[in-house]
Amino acid sequence: MPNEPITPVANTEPRHEKEASTYPAASPHPAVSPDNQAPLLTSPWYSTSDLAARLGVDASTIRRWRTAQPPQGPPFVTVSERVIMYSALDVDEWLRHRRTVPAKGLNGR
């Protein structure tokens, strides 16, 4: 997977909760602040249905991850009681940590 952030795709699935739309990034490579935290307001954000479409899972799976005890899935921000958003930066980091790279065998295969 290239180092580019995930870009949102159109999702025709009906929404079961009110969710905000995805906001585009101000630049493809946001500047990192001195404390090594990328600015969240200038990076893309996904609603539950946007993220589900990008990951190829049902939106109910994302909701189940979020409501599990302890919560699973990528970090999320509760904007309001009915608006949950996912930072593309957090989703990228979550995917990197879940990535499995198979080791080569002893004979190099």
N, C-alpha and C. Protein backbone atom coordinates (compact mmCIF):
# COMPACT_ATOMS: atom_id res chain seq x y z
N MET A 1 0.85 -1.18 0.00
CA MET A 1 0.00 0.00 0.00
C MET A 1 0.89 1.23 0.00
N PRO A 2 0.71 2.18 -0.90
CA PRO A 2 1.54 3.38 -0.92
C PRO A 2 1.34 4.20 0.34
N ASN A 3 2.20 5.18 0.54
CA ASN A 3 2.14 6.02 1.73
C ASN A 3 1.10 7.12 1.62
N GLU A 4 0.21 7.05 0.65
CA GLU A 4 -0.82 8.07 0.49
C GLU A 4 -1.96 7.78 1.46
N PRO A 5 -2.61 8.84 1.98
CA PRO A 5 -3.75 8.60 2.87
C PRO A 5 -4.91 8.00 2.07
N ILE A 6 -5.75 7.29 2.76
CA ILE A 6 -6.94 6.71 2.14
C ILE A 6 -7.85 7.84 1.72
N THR A 7 -8.39 7.78 0.52
CA THR A 7 -9.32 8.81 0.07
C THR A 7 -10.73 8.26 0.15
N PRO A 8 -11.68 9.09 0.55
CA PRO A 8 -13.06 8.62 0.69
C PRO A 8 -13.68 8.27 -0.66
N VAL A 9 -14.60 7.33 -0.64
CA VAL A 9 -15.34 6.95 -1.83
C VAL A 9 -16.82 7.14 -1.57
N ALA A 10 -17.58 7.27 -2.66
CA ALA A 10 -19.02 7.42 -2.52
C ALA A 10 -19.61 6.13 -2.00
N ASN A 11 -20.57 6.23 -1.12
CA ASN A 11 -21.20 5.07 -0.53
C ASN A 11 -22.70 5.23 -0.70
N THR A 12 -23.34 4.26 -1.34
CA THR A 12 -24.77 4.35 -1.58
C THR A 12 -25.57 3.65 -0.49
N GLU A 13 -24.88 3.07 0.49
CA GLU A 13 -25.57 2.39 1.59
C GLU A 13 -26.36 3.41 2.40
N PRO A 14 -27.61 3.09 2.77
CA PRO A 14 -28.38 4.04 3.59
C PRO A 14 -27.71 4.22 4.95
N ARG A 15 -27.74 5.42 5.43
CA ARG A 15 -27.14 5.71 6.73
C ARG A 15 -28.15 5.44 7.84
N HIS A 16 -27.68 4.76 8.89
CA HIS A 16 -28.54 4.44 10.02
C HIS A 16 -28.33 5.40 11.18
N GLU A 17 -27.40 6.27 11.04
CA GLU A 17 -27.16 7.29 12.03
C GLU A 17 -26.74 8.54 11.29
N LYS A 18 -26.99 9.68 11.87
CA LYS A 18 -26.60 10.92 11.22
C LYS A 18 -25.10 11.08 11.34
N GLU A 19 -24.43 11.23 10.20
CA GLU A 19 -22.99 11.33 10.17
C GLU A 19 -22.58 12.50 9.29
N ALA A 20 -21.53 13.18 9.68
CA ALA A 20 -21.03 14.29 8.89
C ALA A 20 -20.30 13.76 7.67
N SER A 21 -20.22 14.57 6.63
CA SER A 21 -19.52 14.14 5.43
C SER A 21 -18.01 14.30 5.63
N THR A 22 -17.25 13.70 4.74
CA THR A 22 -15.79 13.75 4.82
C THR A 22 -15.31 15.09 4.33
N TYR A 23 -14.31 15.65 5.01
CA TYR A 23 -13.75 16.93 4.63
C TYR A 23 -12.42 16.70 3.96
N PRO A 24 -12.16 17.34 2.82
CA PRO A 24 -10.89 17.13 2.12
C PRO A 24 -9.72 17.74 2.88
N ALA A 25 -8.54 17.23 2.63
CA ALA A 25 -7.33 17.73 3.27
C ALA A 25 -6.94 19.06 2.64
N ALA A 26 -6.30 19.91 3.42
CA ALA A 26 -5.83 21.19 2.91
C ALA A 26 -4.65 20.97 1.98
N SER A 27 -3.82 19.97 2.28
CA SER A 27 -2.70 19.62 1.41
C SER A 27 -2.49 18.12 1.52
N PRO A 28 -1.86 17.49 0.51
CA PRO A 28 -1.68 16.04 0.56
C PRO A 28 -0.73 15.60 1.67
N HIS A 29 0.18 16.46 2.08
CA HIS A 29 1.12 16.11 3.14
C HIS A 29 1.11 17.21 4.19
N PRO A 30 0.21 17.10 5.19
CA PRO A 30 0.13 18.17 6.19
C PRO A 30 1.42 18.27 7.00
N ALA A 31 1.74 19.49 7.40
CA ALA A 31 2.93 19.72 8.21
C ALA A 31 2.75 19.09 9.58
N VAL A 32 3.83 18.61 10.14
CA VAL A 32 3.78 18.01 11.46
C VAL A 32 4.18 19.07 12.47
N SER A 33 3.42 19.18 13.54
CA SER A 33 3.71 20.18 14.56
C SER A 33 4.91 19.73 15.40
N PRO A 34 5.48 20.62 16.22
CA PRO A 34 6.67 20.28 17.00
C PRO A 34 6.50 19.07 17.92
N ASP A 35 5.29 18.80 18.36
CA ASP A 35 5.08 17.66 19.27
C ASP A 35 4.81 16.37 18.49
N ASN A 36 5.16 16.35 17.19
CA ASN A 36 5.03 15.17 16.31
C ASN A 36 3.58 14.73 16.10
N GLN A 37 2.65 15.59 16.31
CA GLN A 37 1.25 15.29 16.06
C GLN A 37 0.82 16.04 14.81
N ALA A 38 0.35 15.29 13.80
CA ALA A 38 -0.13 15.94 12.58
C ALA A 38 -1.41 16.71 12.91
N PRO A 39 -1.64 17.82 12.26
CA PRO A 39 -2.83 18.62 12.56
C PRO A 39 -4.09 17.89 12.11
N LEU A 40 -4.96 17.60 13.04
CA LEU A 40 -6.17 16.84 12.73
C LEU A 40 -7.17 17.63 11.90
N LEU A 41 -7.25 18.92 12.09
CA LEU A 41 -8.26 19.69 11.38
C LEU A 41 -7.98 19.83 9.89
N THR A 42 -6.74 19.63 9.47
CA THR A 42 -6.42 19.79 8.06
C THR A 42 -6.31 18.46 7.33
N SER A 43 -6.52 17.35 8.01
CA SER A 43 -6.45 16.04 7.34
C SER A 43 -7.86 15.51 7.10
N PRO A 44 -7.99 14.55 6.18
CA PRO A 44 -9.32 14.02 5.85
C PRO A 44 -9.97 13.29 7.04
N TRP A 45 -11.28 13.29 7.04
CA TRP A 45 -12.07 12.60 8.06
C TRP A 45 -13.11 11.73 7.37
N TYR A 46 -13.48 10.61 8.00
CA TYR A 46 -14.47 9.69 7.46
C TYR A 46 -15.62 9.51 8.43
N SER A 47 -16.80 9.39 7.88
CA SER A 47 -17.95 8.98 8.69
C SER A 47 -17.89 7.46 8.80
N THR A 48 -18.77 6.88 9.59
CA THR A 48 -18.81 5.43 9.75
C THR A 48 -19.04 4.75 8.40
N SER A 49 -19.98 5.25 7.63
CA SER A 49 -20.27 4.62 6.33
C SER A 49 -19.13 4.82 5.33
N ASP A 50 -18.47 5.98 5.37
CA ASP A 50 -17.30 6.22 4.50
C ASP A 50 -16.19 5.22 4.82
N LEU A 51 -15.91 5.06 6.11
CA LEU A 51 -14.84 4.15 6.53
C LEU A 51 -15.19 2.71 6.18
N ALA A 52 -16.44 2.33 6.40
CA ALA A 52 -16.87 0.96 6.07
C ALA A 52 -16.67 0.69 4.58
N ALA A 53 -17.02 1.64 3.74
CA ALA A 53 -16.85 1.46 2.29
C ALA A 53 -15.37 1.32 1.94
N ARG A 54 -14.50 2.12 2.55
CA ARG A 54 -13.07 2.05 2.27
C ARG A 54 -12.46 0.73 2.71
N LEU A 55 -12.93 0.20 3.85
CA LEU A 55 -12.38 -1.05 4.38
C LEU A 55 -13.07 -2.28 3.80
N GLY A 56 -14.18 -2.08 3.09
CA GLY A 56 -14.90 -3.21 2.50
C GLY A 56 -15.66 -4.03 3.51
N VAL A 57 -16.14 -3.38 4.56
CA VAL A 57 -16.96 -4.06 5.57
C VAL A 57 -18.28 -3.32 5.71
N ASP A 58 -19.23 -3.94 6.37
CA ASP A 58 -20.51 -3.30 6.60
C ASP A 58 -20.37 -2.23 7.69
N ALA A 59 -21.17 -1.18 7.61
CA ALA A 59 -21.13 -0.13 8.62
C ALA A 59 -21.44 -0.67 10.01
N SER A 60 -22.25 -1.73 10.09
CA SER A 60 -22.56 -2.32 11.40
C SER A 60 -21.30 -2.91 12.05
N THR A 61 -20.35 -3.35 11.24
CA THR A 61 -19.09 -3.87 11.77
C THR A 61 -18.31 -2.75 12.44
N ILE A 62 -18.26 -1.59 11.79
CA ILE A 62 -17.56 -0.43 12.37
C ILE A 62 -18.22 -0.03 13.68
N ARG A 63 -19.56 0.00 13.69
CA ARG A 63 -20.28 0.34 14.93
C ARG A 63 -20.01 -0.68 16.03
N ARG A 64 -19.96 -1.95 15.66
CA ARG A 64 -19.71 -3.01 16.65
C ARG A 64 -18.31 -2.85 17.24
N TRP A 65 -17.32 -2.55 16.39
CA TRP A 65 -15.96 -2.31 16.89
C TRP A 65 -15.96 -1.16 17.89
N ARG A 66 -16.68 -0.11 17.53
CA ARG A 66 -16.68 1.11 18.34
C ARG A 66 -17.35 0.91 19.69
N THR A 67 -18.38 0.07 19.73
CA THR A 67 -19.14 -0.11 20.98
C THR A 67 -18.68 -1.32 21.79
N ALA A 68 -17.71 -2.08 21.29
CA ALA A 68 -17.18 -3.22 22.03
C ALA A 68 -16.50 -2.73 23.31
N GLN A 69 -16.42 -3.60 24.29
CA GLN A 69 -15.73 -3.27 25.53
C GLN A 69 -14.57 -4.21 25.71
N PRO A 70 -13.34 -3.77 25.56
CA PRO A 70 -12.92 -2.41 25.21
C PRO A 70 -13.13 -2.13 23.73
N PRO A 71 -13.18 -0.86 23.35
CA PRO A 71 -13.40 -0.52 21.95
C PRO A 71 -12.32 -1.13 21.05
N GLN A 72 -12.72 -1.52 19.84
CA GLN A 72 -11.81 -2.08 18.85
C GLN A 72 -11.80 -1.16 17.65
N GLY A 73 -11.04 -1.52 16.63
CA GLY A 73 -11.01 -0.74 15.41
C GLY A 73 -10.17 0.51 15.57
N PRO A 74 -10.21 1.37 14.55
CA PRO A 74 -9.40 2.59 14.59
C PRO A 74 -9.95 3.59 15.60
N PRO A 75 -9.09 4.50 16.08
CA PRO A 75 -9.57 5.55 16.99
C PRO A 75 -10.66 6.38 16.32
N PHE A 76 -11.55 6.91 17.13
CA PHE A 76 -12.65 7.72 16.61
C PHE A 76 -12.87 8.93 17.49
N VAL A 77 -13.59 9.91 16.95
CA VAL A 77 -13.93 11.12 17.68
C VAL A 77 -15.44 11.23 17.72
N THR A 78 -15.98 11.37 18.92
CA THR A 78 -17.41 11.58 19.08
C THR A 78 -17.65 13.08 19.02
N VAL A 79 -18.10 13.56 17.87
CA VAL A 79 -18.35 14.98 17.68
C VAL A 79 -19.62 15.39 18.42
N SER A 80 -20.62 14.54 18.35
CA SER A 80 -21.86 14.73 19.10
C SER A 80 -22.46 13.34 19.32
N GLU A 81 -23.61 13.29 19.95
CA GLU A 81 -24.23 12.00 20.23
C GLU A 81 -24.45 11.17 18.97
N ARG A 82 -24.72 11.84 17.84
CA ARG A 82 -25.02 11.12 16.60
C ARG A 82 -23.97 11.27 15.50
N VAL A 83 -22.88 11.97 15.79
CA VAL A 83 -21.85 12.19 14.78
C VAL A 83 -20.52 11.62 15.29
N ILE A 84 -20.06 10.58 14.62
CA ILE A 84 -18.79 9.93 14.94
C ILE A 84 -17.90 10.06 13.71
N MET A 85 -16.67 10.49 13.91
CA MET A 85 -15.75 10.68 12.80
C MET A 85 -14.44 9.94 13.06
N TYR A 86 -13.78 9.56 11.95
CA TYR A 86 -12.51 8.84 12.00
C TYR A 86 -11.49 9.63 11.19
N SER A 87 -10.36 9.96 11.80
CA SER A 87 -9.29 10.67 11.11
C SER A 87 -8.58 9.70 10.17
N ALA A 88 -8.32 10.14 8.94
CA ALA A 88 -7.58 9.31 7.99
C ALA A 88 -6.19 8.99 8.52
N LEU A 89 -5.60 9.91 9.28
CA LEU A 89 -4.29 9.66 9.87
C LEU A 89 -4.36 8.51 10.87
N ASP A 90 -5.41 8.50 11.70
CA ASP A 90 -5.58 7.42 12.68
C ASP A 90 -5.86 6.09 11.99
N VAL A 91 -6.67 6.13 10.93
CA VAL A 91 -7.00 4.90 10.21
C VAL A 91 -5.74 4.33 9.56
N ASP A 92 -4.93 5.19 8.94
CA ASP A 92 -3.67 4.74 8.33
C ASP A 92 -2.77 4.08 9.38
N GLU A 93 -2.64 4.72 10.53
CA GLU A 93 -1.79 4.18 11.60
C GLU A 93 -2.35 2.85 12.12
N TRP A 94 -3.64 2.77 12.30
CA TRP A 94 -4.29 1.54 12.76
C TRP A 94 -4.05 0.40 11.77
N LEU A 95 -4.17 0.68 10.49
CA LEU A 95 -3.92 -0.34 9.47
C LEU A 95 -2.46 -0.78 9.47
N ARG A 96 -1.54 0.16 9.63
CA ARG A 96 -0.12 -0.20 9.67
C ARG A 96 0.19 -1.16 10.83
N HIS A 97 -0.42 -0.91 11.98
CA HIS A 97 -0.19 -1.76 13.14
C HIS A 97 -0.81 -3.14 12.99
N ARG A 98 -1.83 -3.27 12.17
CA ARG A 98 -2.49 -4.56 11.97
C ARG A 98 -1.87 -5.35 10.82
N ARG A 99 -0.99 -4.76 10.09
CA ARG A 99 -0.39 -5.36 8.91
C ARG A 99 0.51 -6.53 9.28
N THR A 100 0.39 -7.61 8.52
CA THR A 100 1.23 -8.78 8.71
C THR A 100 2.07 -8.97 7.46
N VAL A 101 3.38 -9.02 7.64
CA VAL A 101 4.29 -9.26 6.52
C VAL A 101 4.86 -10.66 6.73
N PRO A 102 4.49 -11.61 5.86
CA PRO A 102 5.01 -12.97 6.03
C PRO A 102 6.53 -13.01 5.89
N ALA A 103 7.16 -13.80 6.76
CA ALA A 103 8.62 -13.96 6.71
C ALA A 103 8.97 -14.98 5.63
N LYS A 104 10.12 -14.79 5.02
CA LYS A 104 10.60 -15.76 4.03
C LYS A 104 11.09 -17.00 4.76
N GLY A 105 10.93 -18.13 4.11
CA GLY A 105 11.39 -19.38 4.70
C GLY A 105 12.91 -19.47 4.70
N LEU A 106 13.44 -20.51 5.27
CA LEU A 106 14.89 -20.69 5.36
C LEU A 106 15.55 -20.78 4.00
N ASN A 107 14.85 -21.31 3.01
CA ASN A 107 15.44 -21.44 1.68
C ASN A 107 15.13 -20.22 0.79
N GLY A 108 14.62 -19.13 1.36
CA GLY A 108 14.38 -17.90 0.61
C GLY A 108 13.06 -17.86 -0.15
N ARG A 109 12.20 -18.82 0.07
CA ARG A 109 10.90 -18.85 -0.63
C ARG A 109 9.79 -18.38 0.24
